[in-house]
């Protein structure tokens, strides 16, 4: 069984009105690293093997904001680290949708 940690994070360059160029930078970083991700309207979710790897990626993304011109950055992280069985982010969504459909 391969372990997967699902991590949601939000990086906000404070004082900016439009964030899309910053988010695009993060997505490019994730794609360059080959990280599985899901972009949502309010956050980015990634799947990685370890919490350590998640924090390394998020630190890179956080620092990227400064390279893109931000002067102050706020980052929030939420981790789902389930160790009793393997599951992926799609599995979590499908579990809810089965219940919505009455399954």
C-alpha atoms as a PDB file:
ATOM      1  CA  UNK A   1       0.000   0.000   0.000  1.00  0.00           C
ATOM      2  CA  UNK A   2       1.460   3.353  -1.009  1.00  0.00           C
ATOM      3  CA  UNK A   3       0.809   6.112   1.471  1.00  0.00           C
ATOM      4  CA  UNK A   4      -0.761   9.339   0.253  1.00  0.00           C
ATOM      5  CA  UNK A   5      -1.098  12.515   2.258  1.00  0.00           C
ATOM      6  CA  UNK A   6      -3.733  14.959   1.032  1.00  0.00           C
ATOM      7  CA  UNK A   7      -2.883  18.568   1.776  1.00  0.00           C
ATOM      8  CA  UNK A   8      -4.924  21.697   1.177  1.00  0.00           C
ATOM      9  CA  UNK A   9      -3.123  25.010   1.194  1.00  0.00           C
ATOM     10  CA  UNK A  10      -3.885  28.655   0.586  1.00  0.00           C
ATOM     11  CA  UNK A  11      -1.163  31.206  -0.090  1.00  0.00           C
ATOM     12  CA  UNK A  12      -2.241  34.838  -0.090  1.00  0.00           C
ATOM     13  CA  UNK A  13       0.067  37.699  -1.017  1.00  0.00           C
ATOM     14  CA  UNK A  14      -1.392  40.369   1.260  1.00  0.00           C
ATOM     15  CA  UNK A  15      -2.275  43.715  -0.252  1.00  0.00           C
ATOM     16  CA  UNK A  16      -2.954  42.311  -3.722  1.00  0.00           C
ATOM     17  CA  UNK A  17      -6.357  42.645  -5.395  1.00  0.00           C
ATOM     18  CA  UNK A  18      -5.918  39.988  -8.065  1.00  0.00           C
ATOM     19  CA  UNK A  19      -4.228  36.723  -7.181  1.00  0.00           C
ATOM     20  CA  UNK A  20      -4.470  34.770 -10.433  1.00  0.00           C
ATOM     21  CA  UNK A  21      -0.877  35.423 -11.533  1.00  0.00           C
ATOM     22  CA  UNK A  22       0.367  34.198  -8.153  1.00  0.00           C
ATOM     23  CA  UNK A  23      -1.827  31.097  -8.288  1.00  0.00           C
ATOM     24  CA  UNK A  24      -0.640  30.427 -11.842  1.00  0.00           C
ATOM     25  CA  UNK A  25       2.936  30.528 -10.563  1.00  0.00           C
ATOM     26  CA  UNK A  26       2.134  27.928  -7.913  1.00  0.00           C
ATOM     27  CA  UNK A  27       0.402  25.669 -10.438  1.00  0.00           C
ATOM     28  CA  UNK A  28       3.403  25.893 -12.778  1.00  0.00           C
ATOM     29  CA  UNK A  29       5.648  24.930  -9.854  1.00  0.00           C
ATOM     30  CA  UNK A  30       3.465  21.902  -9.036  1.00  0.00           C
ATOM     31  CA  UNK A  31       3.415  20.803 -12.662  1.00  0.00           C
ATOM     32  CA  UNK A  32       7.209  21.154 -12.961  1.00  0.00           C
ATOM     33  CA  UNK A  33       7.586  18.933  -9.885  1.00  0.00           C
ATOM     34  CA  UNK A  34       5.056  16.390 -11.184  1.00  0.00           C
ATOM     35  CA  UNK A  35       2.822  16.828  -8.130  1.00  0.00           C
ATOM     36  CA  UNK A  36      -0.779  15.681  -8.431  1.00  0.00           C
ATOM     37  CA  UNK A  37      -2.988  18.656  -7.606  1.00  0.00           C
ATOM     38  CA  UNK A  38      -6.533  19.927  -7.712  1.00  0.00           C
ATOM     39  CA  UNK A  39      -7.142  23.642  -8.071  1.00  0.00           C
ATOM     40  CA  UNK A  40     -10.328  24.901  -6.418  1.00  0.00           C
ATOM     41  CA  UNK A  41     -11.756  28.437  -6.364  1.00  0.00           C
ATOM     42  CA  UNK A  42     -10.423  28.971  -2.838  1.00  0.00           C
ATOM     43  CA  UNK A  43      -7.410  26.656  -2.374  1.00  0.00           C
ATOM     44  CA  UNK A  44      -5.059  24.137  -3.939  1.00  0.00           C
ATOM     45  CA  UNK A  45      -5.014  20.483  -2.897  1.00  0.00           C
ATOM     46  CA  UNK A  46      -2.034  18.195  -3.448  1.00  0.00           C
ATOM     47  CA  UNK A  47      -1.303  14.492  -2.961  1.00  0.00           C
ATOM     48  CA  UNK A  48       2.188  13.592  -1.834  1.00  0.00           C
ATOM     49  CA  UNK A  49       3.779  10.605  -0.080  1.00  0.00           C
ATOM     50  CA  UNK A  50       4.780  12.420   3.121  1.00  0.00           C
ATOM     51  CA  UNK A  51       3.951  15.431   5.244  1.00  0.00           C
ATOM     52  CA  UNK A  52       7.592  16.492   4.942  1.00  0.00           C
ATOM     53  CA  UNK A  53       7.330  16.569   1.148  1.00  0.00           C
ATOM     54  CA  UNK A  54       4.143  18.609   1.404  1.00  0.00           C
ATOM     55  CA  UNK A  55       5.826  21.208   3.589  1.00  0.00           C
ATOM     56  CA  UNK A  56       8.833  21.381   1.262  1.00  0.00           C
ATOM     57  CA  UNK A  57       6.564  22.060  -1.716  1.00  0.00           C
ATOM     58  CA  UNK A  58       4.462  24.584   0.186  1.00  0.00           C
ATOM     59  CA  UNK A  59       7.598  26.373   1.392  1.00  0.00           C
ATOM     60  CA  UNK A  60       8.760  26.678  -2.228  1.00  0.00           C
ATOM     61  CA  UNK A  61       5.353  28.029  -3.240  1.00  0.00           C
ATOM     62  CA  UNK A  62       5.378  30.469  -0.299  1.00  0.00           C
ATOM     63  CA  UNK A  63       8.833  31.763  -1.273  1.00  0.00           C
ATOM     64  CA  UNK A  64       7.724  32.037  -4.901  1.00  0.00           C
ATOM     65  CA  UNK A  65       5.249  34.737  -3.859  1.00  0.00           C
ATOM     66  CA  UNK A  66       8.132  36.962  -2.762  1.00  0.00           C
ATOM     67  CA  UNK A  67      10.015  36.330  -6.008  1.00  0.00           C
ATOM     68  CA  UNK A  68       6.858  37.390  -7.855  1.00  0.00           C
ATOM     69  CA  UNK A  69       6.838  40.709  -6.000  1.00  0.00           C
ATOM     70  CA  UNK A  70       4.761  40.195  -2.852  1.00  0.00           C
ATOM     71  CA  UNK A  71       5.995  41.985   0.251  1.00  0.00           C
ATOM     72  CA  UNK A  72       3.881  40.059   2.763  1.00  0.00           C
ATOM     73  CA  UNK A  73       2.446  36.528   2.460  1.00  0.00           C
ATOM     74  CA  UNK A  74      -0.003  34.519   4.563  1.00  0.00           C
ATOM     75  CA  UNK A  75      -0.092  30.734   4.115  1.00  0.00           C
ATOM     76  CA  UNK A  76      -2.623  28.313   5.612  1.00  0.00           C
ATOM     77  CA  UNK A  77      -2.215  24.514   5.502  1.00  0.00           C
ATOM     78  CA  UNK A  78      -4.612  21.655   6.284  1.00  0.00           C
ATOM     79  CA  UNK A  79      -3.401  18.030   6.253  1.00  0.00           C
ATOM     80  CA  UNK A  80      -5.355  14.785   5.893  1.00  0.00           C
ATOM     81  CA  UNK A  81      -2.945  11.990   6.859  1.00  0.00           C
ATOM     82  CA  UNK A  82      -4.917   8.750   7.049  1.00  0.00           C
ATOM     83  CA  UNK A  83      -2.830   5.677   7.784  1.00  0.00           C
ATOM     84  CA  UNK A  84      -5.363   2.862   8.116  1.00  0.00           C
ATOM     85  CA  UNK A  85      -5.969   2.566   4.369  1.00  0.00           C
ATOM     86  CA  UNK A  86      -4.972   4.035   1.057  1.00  0.00           C
ATOM     87  CA  UNK A  87      -7.222   6.622  -0.528  1.00  0.00           C
ATOM     88  CA  UNK A  88      -6.869   9.563  -2.868  1.00  0.00           C
ATOM     89  CA  UNK A  89      -8.640  12.896  -3.130  1.00  0.00           C
ATOM     90  CA  UNK A  90     -11.063  11.524  -5.737  1.00  0.00           C
ATOM     91  CA  UNK A  91     -12.001   8.745  -3.321  1.00  0.00           C
ATOM     92  CA  UNK A  92     -13.079  11.289  -0.718  1.00  0.00           C
ATOM     93  CA  UNK A  93     -15.308  13.106  -3.203  1.00  0.00           C
ATOM     94  CA  UNK A  94     -16.776   9.860  -4.564  1.00  0.00           C
ATOM     95  CA  UNK A  95     -17.611   8.678  -1.045  1.00  0.00           C
ATOM     96  CA  UNK A  96     -19.713  11.789  -0.487  1.00  0.00           C
ATOM     97  CA  UNK A  97     -21.351  11.595  -3.922  1.00  0.00           C
ATOM     98  CA  UNK A  98     -22.373   7.961  -3.342  1.00  0.00           C
ATOM     99  CA  UNK A  99     -24.207   9.083  -0.225  1.00  0.00           C
ATOM    100  CA  UNK A 100     -25.834  11.957  -2.119  1.00  0.00           C
ATOM    101  CA  UNK A 101     -27.094   9.445  -4.707  1.00  0.00           C
ATOM    102  CA  UNK A 102     -28.409   7.229  -1.921  1.00  0.00           C
ATOM    103  CA  UNK A 103     -25.701   4.570  -2.100  1.00  0.00           C
END
